[in-house]
Amino acid sequence: DFFKAAITRDAAGQTLRGLTPKYPAATFTDRA
């Protein structure tokens, strides 16, 4: 949120859009 606010403040209209992360299916299933 810091970077979003910084870019929005000092470079209005140039802020990178919200991205869509993706992960392998088993990412959140175990400790390892």
Full PDB file with SEQRES, HELIX, SHEET, SSBOND, CRYST1, ORIGX, SCALE, CONECT and MASTER records, all heavy atoms in Angstrom:
SEQRES   1 A   32  ASP PHE PHE LYS ALA ALA ILE THR ARG ASP ALA ALA GLY          
SEQRES   2 A   32  GLN THR LEU ARG GLY LEU THR PRO LYS TYR PRO ALA ALA          
SEQRES   3 A   32  THR PHE THR ASP ARG ALA                                      
HELIX    1 AA1 PHE A    2  ASP A   10  1                                   9    
CRYST1    1.000    1.000    1.000  90.00  90.00  90.00 P 1           1          
ORIGX1      1.000000  0.000000  0.000000        0.00000                         
ORIGX2      0.000000  1.000000  0.000000        0.00000                         
ORIGX3      0.000000  0.000000  1.000000        0.00000                         
SCALE1      1.000000  0.000000  0.000000        0.00000                         
SCALE2      0.000000  1.000000  0.000000        0.00000                         
SCALE3      0.000000  0.000000  1.000000        0.00000                         
ATOM      1  N   ASP A   1       0.819  -1.205   0.000  1.00  0.00           N  
ATOM      2  CA  ASP A   1       0.000   0.000   0.000  1.00  0.00           C  
ATOM      3  C   ASP A   1       0.855   1.258   0.000  1.00  0.00           C  
ATOM      4  O   ASP A   1       0.455   2.297  -0.533  1.00  0.00           O  
ATOM      5  CB  ASP A   1      -0.945  -0.005   1.198  1.00  0.00           C  
ATOM      6  CG  ASP A   1      -1.986  -1.111   1.111  1.00  0.00           C  
ATOM      7  OD1 ASP A   1      -2.165  -1.679   0.012  1.00  0.00           O  
ATOM      8  OD2 ASP A   1      -2.618  -1.423   2.139  1.00  0.00           O  
ATOM      9  N   PHE A   2       2.036   1.171   0.580  1.00  0.00           N  
ATOM     10  CA  PHE A   2       2.964   2.288   0.554  1.00  0.00           C  
ATOM     11  C   PHE A   2       3.349   2.638  -0.877  1.00  0.00           C  
ATOM     12  O   PHE A   2       3.294   3.809  -1.291  1.00  0.00           O  
ATOM     13  CB  PHE A   2       4.202   1.961   1.378  1.00  0.00           C  
ATOM     14  CG  PHE A   2       5.344   2.909   1.147  1.00  0.00           C  
ATOM     15  CD1 PHE A   2       5.344   4.157   1.724  1.00  0.00           C  
ATOM     16  CD2 PHE A   2       6.398   2.544   0.333  1.00  0.00           C  
ATOM     17  CE1 PHE A   2       6.388   5.044   1.486  1.00  0.00           C  
ATOM     18  CE2 PHE A   2       7.445   3.418   0.101  1.00  0.00           C  
ATOM     19  CZ  PHE A   2       7.444   4.669   0.677  1.00  0.00           C  
ATOM     20  N   PHE A   3       3.759   1.635  -1.658  1.00  0.00           N  
ATOM     21  CA  PHE A   3       4.170   1.911  -3.027  1.00  0.00           C  
ATOM     22  C   PHE A   3       3.001   2.410  -3.873  1.00  0.00           C  
ATOM     23  O   PHE A   3       3.162   3.315  -4.696  1.00  0.00           O  
ATOM     24  CB  PHE A   3       4.811   0.669  -3.665  1.00  0.00           C  
ATOM     25  CG  PHE A   3       6.233   0.462  -3.246  1.00  0.00           C  
ATOM     26  CD1 PHE A   3       6.583  -0.577  -2.406  1.00  0.00           C  
ATOM     27  CD2 PHE A   3       7.231   1.326  -3.665  1.00  0.00           C  
ATOM     28  CE1 PHE A   3       7.897  -0.760  -1.995  1.00  0.00           C  
ATOM     29  CE2 PHE A   3       8.546   1.159  -3.266  1.00  0.00           C  
ATOM     30  CZ  PHE A   3       8.882   0.114  -2.423  1.00  0.00           C  
ATOM     31  N   LYS A   4       1.831   1.839  -3.667  1.00  0.00           N  
ATOM     32  CA  LYS A   4       0.666   2.303  -4.413  1.00  0.00           C  
ATOM     33  C   LYS A   4       0.391   3.771  -4.109  1.00  0.00           C  
ATOM     34  O   LYS A   4       0.149   4.575  -5.024  1.00  0.00           O  
ATOM     35  CB  LYS A   4      -0.560   1.454  -4.067  1.00  0.00           C  
ATOM     36  CG  LYS A   4      -1.813   1.874  -4.838  1.00  0.00           C  
ATOM     37  CD  LYS A   4      -2.991   0.960  -4.505  1.00  0.00           C  
ATOM     38  CE  LYS A   4      -4.221   1.376  -5.308  1.00  0.00           C  
ATOM     39  NZ  LYS A   4      -5.370   0.495  -5.011  1.00  0.00           N  
ATOM     40  N   ALA A   5       0.432   4.141  -2.837  1.00  0.00           N  
ATOM     41  CA  ALA A   5       0.171   5.527  -2.449  1.00  0.00           C  
ATOM     42  C   ALA A   5       1.256   6.463  -2.978  1.00  0.00           C  
ATOM     43  O   ALA A   5       0.971   7.586  -3.406  1.00  0.00           O  
ATOM     44  CB  ALA A   5       0.068   5.629  -0.931  1.00  0.00           C  
ATOM     45  N   ALA A   6       2.520   6.006  -2.947  1.00  0.00           N  
ATOM     46  CA  ALA A   6       3.625   6.837  -3.418  1.00  0.00           C  
ATOM     47  C   ALA A   6       3.487   7.144  -4.907  1.00  0.00           C  
ATOM     48  O   ALA A   6       3.628   8.295  -5.341  1.00  0.00           O  
ATOM     49  CB  ALA A   6       4.947   6.141  -3.144  1.00  0.00           C  
ATOM     50  N   ILE A   7       3.215   6.110  -5.708  1.00  0.00           N  
ATOM     51  CA  ILE A   7       3.098   6.315  -7.152  1.00  0.00           C  
ATOM     52  C   ILE A   7       1.857   7.141  -7.470  1.00  0.00           C  
ATOM     53  O   ILE A   7       1.897   8.040  -8.319  1.00  0.00           O  
ATOM     54  CB  ILE A   7       3.053   4.968  -7.901  1.00  0.00           C  
ATOM     55  CG1 ILE A   7       4.276   4.126  -7.553  1.00  0.00           C  
ATOM     56  CG2 ILE A   7       3.002   5.196  -9.411  1.00  0.00           C  
ATOM     57  CD1 ILE A   7       4.160   2.670  -7.961  1.00  0.00           C  
ATOM     58  N   THR A   8       0.763   6.856  -6.788  1.00  0.00           N  
ATOM     59  CA  THR A   8      -0.469   7.604  -7.023  1.00  0.00           C  
ATOM     60  C   THR A   8      -0.256   9.079  -6.712  1.00  0.00           C  
ATOM     61  O   THR A   8      -0.752   9.954  -7.426  1.00  0.00           O  
ATOM     62  CB  THR A   8      -1.611   7.048  -6.152  1.00  0.00           C  
ATOM     63  OG1 THR A   8      -1.828   5.681  -6.511  1.00  0.00           O  
ATOM     64  CG2 THR A   8      -2.896   7.832  -6.363  1.00  0.00           C  
ATOM     65  N   ARG A   9       0.494   9.349  -5.662  1.00  0.00           N  
ATOM     66  CA  ARG A   9       0.731  10.739  -5.279  1.00  0.00           C  
ATOM     67  C   ARG A   9       1.657  11.459  -6.248  1.00  0.00           C  
ATOM     68  O   ARG A   9       1.385  12.575  -6.674  1.00  0.00           O  
ATOM     69  CB  ARG A   9       1.339  10.790  -3.880  1.00  0.00           C  
ATOM     70  CG  ARG A   9       1.795  12.196  -3.512  1.00  0.00           C  
ATOM     71  CD  ARG A   9       2.472  12.244  -2.164  1.00  0.00           C  
ATOM     72  NE  ARG A   9       3.312  13.429  -2.117  1.00  0.00           N  
ATOM     73  CZ  ARG A   9       3.978  13.812  -1.051  1.00  0.00           C  
ATOM     74  NH1 ARG A   9       3.908  13.099   0.049  1.00  0.00           N  
ATOM     75  NH2 ARG A   9       4.721  14.885  -1.070  1.00  0.00           N  
ATOM     76  N   ASP A  10       2.783  10.828  -6.620  1.00  0.00           N  
ATOM     77  CA  ASP A  10       3.821  11.523  -7.374  1.00  0.00           C  
ATOM     78  C   ASP A  10       3.797  11.247  -8.873  1.00  0.00           C  
ATOM     79  O   ASP A  10       4.511  11.898  -9.627  1.00  0.00           O  
ATOM     80  CB  ASP A  10       5.195  11.152  -6.818  1.00  0.00           C  
ATOM     81  CG  ASP A  10       5.430  11.752  -5.445  1.00  0.00           C  
ATOM     82  OD1 ASP A  10       4.781  12.766  -5.128  1.00  0.00           O  
ATOM     83  OD2 ASP A  10       6.244  11.208  -4.683  1.00  0.00           O  
ATOM     84  N   ALA A  11       3.015  10.285  -9.309  1.00  0.00           N  
ATOM     85  CA  ALA A  11       2.920   9.973 -10.745  1.00  0.00           C  
ATOM     86  C   ALA A  11       1.494   9.538 -11.055  1.00  0.00           C  
ATOM     87  O   ALA A  11       1.247   8.417 -11.495  1.00  0.00           O  
ATOM     88  CB  ALA A  11       3.920   8.887 -11.125  1.00  0.00           C  
ATOM     89  N   ALA A  12       0.562  10.447 -10.818  1.00  0.00           N  
ATOM     90  CA  ALA A  12      -0.862  10.134 -10.974  1.00  0.00           C  
ATOM     91  C   ALA A  12      -1.146   9.541 -12.349  1.00  0.00           C  
ATOM     92  O   ALA A  12      -0.669  10.026 -13.373  1.00  0.00           O  
ATOM     93  CB  ALA A  12      -1.689  11.395 -10.770  1.00  0.00           C  
ATOM     94  N   GLY A  13      -1.899   8.456 -12.348  1.00  0.00           N  
ATOM     95  CA  GLY A  13      -2.272   7.801 -13.594  1.00  0.00           C  
ATOM     96  C   GLY A  13      -1.263   6.793 -14.093  1.00  0.00           C  
ATOM     97  O   GLY A  13      -1.499   6.143 -15.117  1.00  0.00           O  
ATOM     98  N   GLN A  14      -0.146   6.633 -13.391  1.00  0.00           N  
ATOM     99  CA  GLN A  14       0.902   5.718 -13.844  1.00  0.00           C  
ATOM    100  C   GLN A  14       1.075   4.522 -12.912  1.00  0.00           C  
ATOM    101  O   GLN A  14       2.013   3.740 -13.063  1.00  0.00           O  
ATOM    102  CB  GLN A  14       2.225   6.472 -13.961  1.00  0.00           C  
ATOM    103  CG  GLN A  14       2.167   7.630 -14.955  1.00  0.00           C  
ATOM    104  CD  GLN A  14       3.475   8.381 -15.012  1.00  0.00           C  
ATOM    105  OE1 GLN A  14       4.529   7.780 -15.249  1.00  0.00           O  
ATOM    106  NE2 GLN A  14       3.440   9.684 -14.798  1.00  0.00           N  
ATOM    107  N   THR A  15       0.179   4.366 -11.956  1.00  0.00           N  
ATOM    108  CA  THR A  15       0.297   3.270 -10.993  1.00  0.00           C  
ATOM    109  C   THR A  15      -0.024   1.936 -11.641  1.00  0.00           C  
ATOM    110  O   THR A  15      -1.048   1.796 -12.316  1.00  0.00           O  
ATOM    111  CB  THR A  15      -0.659   3.498  -9.812  1.00  0.00           C  
ATOM    112  OG1 THR A  15      -0.475   4.811  -9.303  1.00  0.00           O  
ATOM    113  CG2 THR A  15      -0.415   2.484  -8.714  1.00  0.00           C  
ATOM    114  N   LEU A  16       0.841   0.968 -11.440  1.00  0.00           N  
ATOM    115  CA  LEU A  16       0.605  -0.380 -11.943  1.00  0.00           C  
ATOM    116  C   LEU A  16      -0.737  -0.900 -11.443  1.00  0.00           C  
ATOM    117  O   LEU A  16      -1.095  -0.718 -10.282  1.00  0.00           O  
ATOM    118  CB  LEU A  16       1.730  -1.302 -11.470  1.00  0.00           C  
ATOM    119  CG  LEU A  16       1.620  -2.784 -11.831  1.00  0.00           C  
ATOM    120  CD1 LEU A  16       1.755  -2.974 -13.336  1.00  0.00           C  
ATOM    121  CD2 LEU A  16       2.688  -3.588 -11.081  1.00  0.00           C  
ATOM    122  N   ARG A  17      -1.474  -1.536 -12.317  1.00  0.00           N  
ATOM    123  CA  ARG A  17      -2.769  -2.093 -11.927  1.00  0.00           C  
ATOM    124  C   ARG A  17      -2.605  -3.230 -10.918  1.00  0.00           C  
ATOM    125  O   ARG A  17      -1.519  -3.765 -10.729  1.00  0.00           O  
ATOM    126  CB  ARG A  17      -3.495  -2.626 -13.168  1.00  0.00           C  
ATOM    127  CG  ARG A  17      -2.884  -3.889 -13.753  1.00  0.00           C  
ATOM    128  CD  ARG A  17      -3.447  -4.260 -15.109  1.00  0.00           C  
ATOM    129  NE  ARG A  17      -3.031  -3.312 -16.127  1.00  0.00           N  
ATOM    130  CZ  ARG A  17      -3.280  -3.459 -17.434  1.00  0.00           C  
ATOM    131  NH1 ARG A  17      -3.973  -4.508 -17.850  1.00  0.00           N  
ATOM    132  NH2 ARG A  17      -2.865  -2.568 -18.296  1.00  0.00           N  
ATOM    133  N   GLY A  18      -3.696  -3.589 -10.274  1.00  0.00           N  
ATOM    134  CA  GLY A  18      -3.672  -4.727  -9.375  1.00  0.00           C  
ATOM    135  C   GLY A  18      -3.398  -6.008 -10.141  1.00  0.00           C  
ATOM    136  O   GLY A  18      -4.035  -6.270 -11.173  1.00  0.00           O  
ATOM    137  N   LEU A  19      -2.447  -6.806  -9.688  1.00  0.00           N  
ATOM    138  CA  LEU A  19      -2.070  -8.036 -10.374  1.00  0.00           C  
ATOM    139  C   LEU A  19      -2.828  -9.235  -9.819  1.00  0.00           C  
ATOM    140  O   LEU A  19      -3.417  -9.182  -8.744  1.00  0.00           O  
ATOM    141  CB  LEU A  19      -0.560  -8.259 -10.232  1.00  0.00           C  
ATOM    142  CG  LEU A  19       0.323  -7.150 -10.801  1.00  0.00           C  
ATOM    143  CD1 LEU A  19       1.796  -7.454 -10.520  1.00  0.00           C  
ATOM    144  CD2 LEU A  19       0.086  -6.946 -12.293  1.00  0.00           C  
ATOM    145  N   THR A  20      -2.790 -10.344 -10.560  1.00  0.00           N  
ATOM    146  CA  THR A  20      -3.476 -11.572 -10.162  1.00  0.00           C  
ATOM    147  C   THR A  20      -2.448 -12.659  -9.911  1.00  0.00           C  
ATOM    148  O   THR A  20      -1.969 -13.311 -10.841  1.00  0.00           O  
ATOM    149  CB  THR A  20      -4.451 -12.029 -11.264  1.00  0.00           C  
ATOM    150  OG1 THR A  20      -5.286 -10.937 -11.659  1.00  0.00           O  
ATOM    151  CG2 THR A  20      -5.310 -13.192 -10.769  1.00  0.00           C  
ATOM    152  N   PRO A  21      -2.049 -12.864  -8.662  1.00  0.00           N  
ATOM    153  CA  PRO A  21      -1.074 -13.913  -8.363  1.00  0.00           C  
ATOM    154  C   PRO A  21      -1.642 -15.304  -8.649  1.00  0.00           C  
ATOM    155  O   PRO A  21      -2.858 -15.518  -8.603  1.00  0.00           O  
ATOM    156  CB  PRO A  21      -0.801 -13.728  -6.867  1.00  0.00           C  
ATOM    157  CG  PRO A  21      -1.177 -12.312  -6.583  1.00  0.00           C  
ATOM    158  CD  PRO A  21      -2.371 -12.059  -7.476  1.00  0.00           C  
ATOM    159  N   LYS A  22      -0.746 -16.244  -8.921  1.00  0.00           N  
ATOM    160  CA  LYS A  22      -1.142 -17.634  -9.133  1.00  0.00           C  
ATOM    161  C   LYS A  22      -0.092 -18.531  -8.476  1.00  0.00           C  
ATOM    162  O   LYS A  22       1.088 -18.175  -8.382  1.00  0.00           O  
ATOM    163  CB  LYS A  22      -1.270 -17.950 -10.623  1.00  0.00           C  
ATOM    164  CG  LYS A  22       0.010 -17.744 -11.425  1.00  0.00           C  
ATOM    165  CD  LYS A  22      -0.197 -18.063 -12.903  1.00  0.00           C  
ATOM    166  CE  LYS A  22       1.108 -17.860 -13.687  1.00  0.00           C  
ATOM    167  NZ  LYS A  22       0.955 -18.202 -15.119  1.00  0.00           N  
ATOM    168  N   TYR A  23      -0.529 -19.690  -8.014  1.00  0.00           N  
ATOM    169  CA  TYR A  23       0.356 -20.582  -7.277  1.00  0.00           C  
ATOM    170  C   TYR A  23       0.116 -22.026  -7.701  1.00  0.00           C  
ATOM    171  O   TYR A  23      -0.999 -22.388  -8.115  1.00  0.00           O  
ATOM    172  CB  TYR A  23       0.094 -20.478  -5.767  1.00  0.00           C  
ATOM    173  CG  TYR A  23       0.072 -19.070  -5.231  1.00  0.00           C  
ATOM    174  CD1 TYR A  23      -1.144 -18.379  -5.117  1.00  0.00           C  
ATOM    175  CD2 TYR A  23       1.238 -18.430  -4.847  1.00  0.00           C  
ATOM    176  CE1 TYR A  23      -1.176 -17.080  -4.624  1.00  0.00           C  
ATOM    177  CE2 TYR A  23       1.212 -17.134  -4.346  1.00  0.00           C  
ATOM    178  CZ  TYR A  23      -0.003 -16.461  -4.244  1.00  0.00           C  
ATOM    179  OH  TYR A  23      -0.035 -15.180  -3.758  1.00  0.00           O  
ATOM    180  N   PRO A  24       1.132 -22.872  -7.572  1.00  0.00           N  
ATOM    181  CA  PRO A  24       0.909 -24.306  -7.778  1.00  0.00           C  
ATOM    182  C   PRO A  24      -0.161 -24.807  -6.815  1.00  0.00           C  
ATOM    183  O   PRO A  24      -0.333 -24.274  -5.713  1.00  0.00           O  
ATOM    184  CB  PRO A  24       2.274 -24.921  -7.470  1.00  0.00           C  
ATOM    185  CG  PRO A  24       3.251 -23.815  -7.736  1.00  0.00           C  
ATOM    186  CD  PRO A  24       2.551 -22.555  -7.325  1.00  0.00           C  
ATOM    187  N   ALA A  25      -0.880 -25.831  -7.217  1.00  0.00           N  
ATOM    188  CA  ALA A  25      -2.039 -26.300  -6.462  1.00  0.00           C  
ATOM    189  C   ALA A  25      -1.719 -26.650  -5.014  1.00  0.00           C  
ATOM    190  O   ALA A  25      -2.544 -26.459  -4.117  1.00  0.00           O  
ATOM    191  CB  ALA A  25      -2.653 -27.511  -7.174  1.00  0.00           C  
ATOM    192  N   ALA A  26      -0.526 -27.174  -4.752  1.00  0.00           N  
ATOM    193  CA  ALA A  26      -0.200 -27.656  -3.405  1.00  0.00           C  
ATOM    194  C   ALA A  26       0.473 -26.605  -2.520  1.00  0.00           C  
ATOM    195  O   ALA A  26       0.911 -26.921  -1.411  1.00  0.00           O  
ATOM    196  CB  ALA A  26       0.701 -28.879  -3.500  1.00  0.00           C  
ATOM    197  N   THR A  27       0.532 -25.359  -2.977  1.00  0.00           N  
ATOM    198  CA  THR A  27       1.310 -24.337  -2.268  1.00  0.00           C  
ATOM    199  C   THR A  27       0.932 -24.204  -0.802  1.00  0.00           C  
ATOM    200  O   THR A  27       1.798 -24.110   0.076  1.00  0.00           O  
ATOM    201  CB  THR A  27       1.157 -22.975  -2.956  1.00  0.00           C  
ATOM    202  OG1 THR A  27       1.662 -23.060  -4.293  1.00  0.00           O  
ATOM    203  CG2 THR A  27       1.914 -21.890  -2.195  1.00  0.00           C  
ATOM    204  N   PHE A  28      -0.349 -24.202  -0.496  1.00  0.00           N  
ATOM    205  CA  PHE A  28      -0.812 -23.897   0.862  1.00  0.00           C  
ATOM    206  C   PHE A  28      -1.262 -25.142   1.645  1.00  0.00           C  
ATOM    207  O   PHE A  28      -1.953 -25.025   2.645  1.00  0.00           O  
ATOM    208  CB  PHE A  28      -1.955 -22.882   0.797  1.00  0.00           C  
ATOM    209  CG  PHE A  28      -1.579 -21.608   0.097  1.00  0.00           C  
ATOM    210  CD1 PHE A  28      -1.930 -21.396  -1.230  1.00  0.00           C  
ATOM    211  CD2 PHE A  28      -0.861 -20.618   0.759  1.00  0.00           C  
ATOM    212  CE1 PHE A  28      -1.573 -20.216  -1.885  1.00  0.00           C  
ATOM    213  CE2 PHE A  28      -0.504 -19.437   0.125  1.00  0.00           C  
ATOM    214  CZ  PHE A  28      -0.847 -19.242  -1.212  1.00  0.00           C  
ATOM    215  N   THR A  29      -0.815 -26.301   1.186  1.00  0.00           N  
ATOM    216  CA  THR A  29      -1.322 -27.540   1.790  1.00  0.00           C  
ATOM    217  C   THR A  29      -0.450 -28.090   2.911  1.00  0.00           C  
ATOM    218  O   THR A  29      -0.930 -28.855   3.749  1.00  0.00           O  
ATOM    219  CB  THR A  29      -1.485 -28.632   0.721  1.00  0.00           C  
ATOM    220  OG1 THR A  29      -0.214 -28.880   0.114  1.00  0.00           O  
ATOM    221  CG2 THR A  29      -2.487 -28.211  -0.331  1.00  0.00           C  
ATOM    222  N   ASP A  30       0.840 -27.745   2.928  1.00  0.00           N  
ATOM    223  CA  ASP A  30       1.708 -28.289   3.973  1.00  0.00           C  
ATOM    224  C   ASP A  30       2.844 -27.319   4.278  1.00  0.00           C  
ATOM    225  O   ASP A  30       3.082 -26.348   3.555  1.00  0.00           O  
ATOM    226  CB  ASP A  30       2.261 -29.662   3.597  1.00  0.00           C  
ATOM    227  CG  ASP A  30       3.059 -29.657   2.305  1.00  0.00           C  
ATOM    228  OD1 ASP A  30       3.937 -28.779   2.148  1.00  0.00           O  
ATOM    229  OD2 ASP A  30       2.804 -30.523   1.451  1.00  0.00           O  
ATOM    230  N   ARG A  31       3.539 -27.592   5.371  1.00  0.00           N  
ATOM    231  CA  ARG A  31       4.604 -26.718   5.859  1.00  0.00           C  
ATOM    232  C   ARG A  31       5.724 -26.565   4.842  1.00  0.00           C  
ATOM    233  O   ARG A  31       6.204 -25.443   4.586  1.00  0.00           O  
ATOM    234  CB  ARG A  31       5.146 -27.270   7.177  1.00  0.00           C  
ATOM    235  CG  ARG A  31       6.313 -26.493   7.772  1.00  0.00           C  
ATOM    236  CD  ARG A  31       6.831 -27.197   9.031  1.00  0.00           C  
ATOM    237  NE  ARG A  31       8.054 -26.593   9.529  1.00  0.00           N  
ATOM    238  CZ  ARG A  31       8.123 -25.612  10.411  1.00  0.00           C  
ATOM    239  NH1 ARG A  31       7.009 -25.118  10.903  1.00  0.00           N  
ATOM    240  NH2 ARG A  31       9.289 -25.131  10.807  1.00  0.00           N  
ATOM    241  N   ALA A  32       6.142 -27.667   4.245  1.00  0.00           N  
ATOM    242  CA  ALA A  32       7.275 -27.620   3.320  1.00  0.00           C  
ATOM    243  C   ALA A  32       6.993 -26.708   2.136  1.00  0.00           C  
ATOM    244  O   ALA A  32       7.850 -25.910   1.727  1.00  0.00           O  
ATOM    245  CB  ALA A  32       7.621 -29.031   2.841  1.00  0.00           C  
TER     246      ALA A  32                                                      
MASTER        0    0    0    1    0    0    0    6  245    1    0    3          
END                                                                             
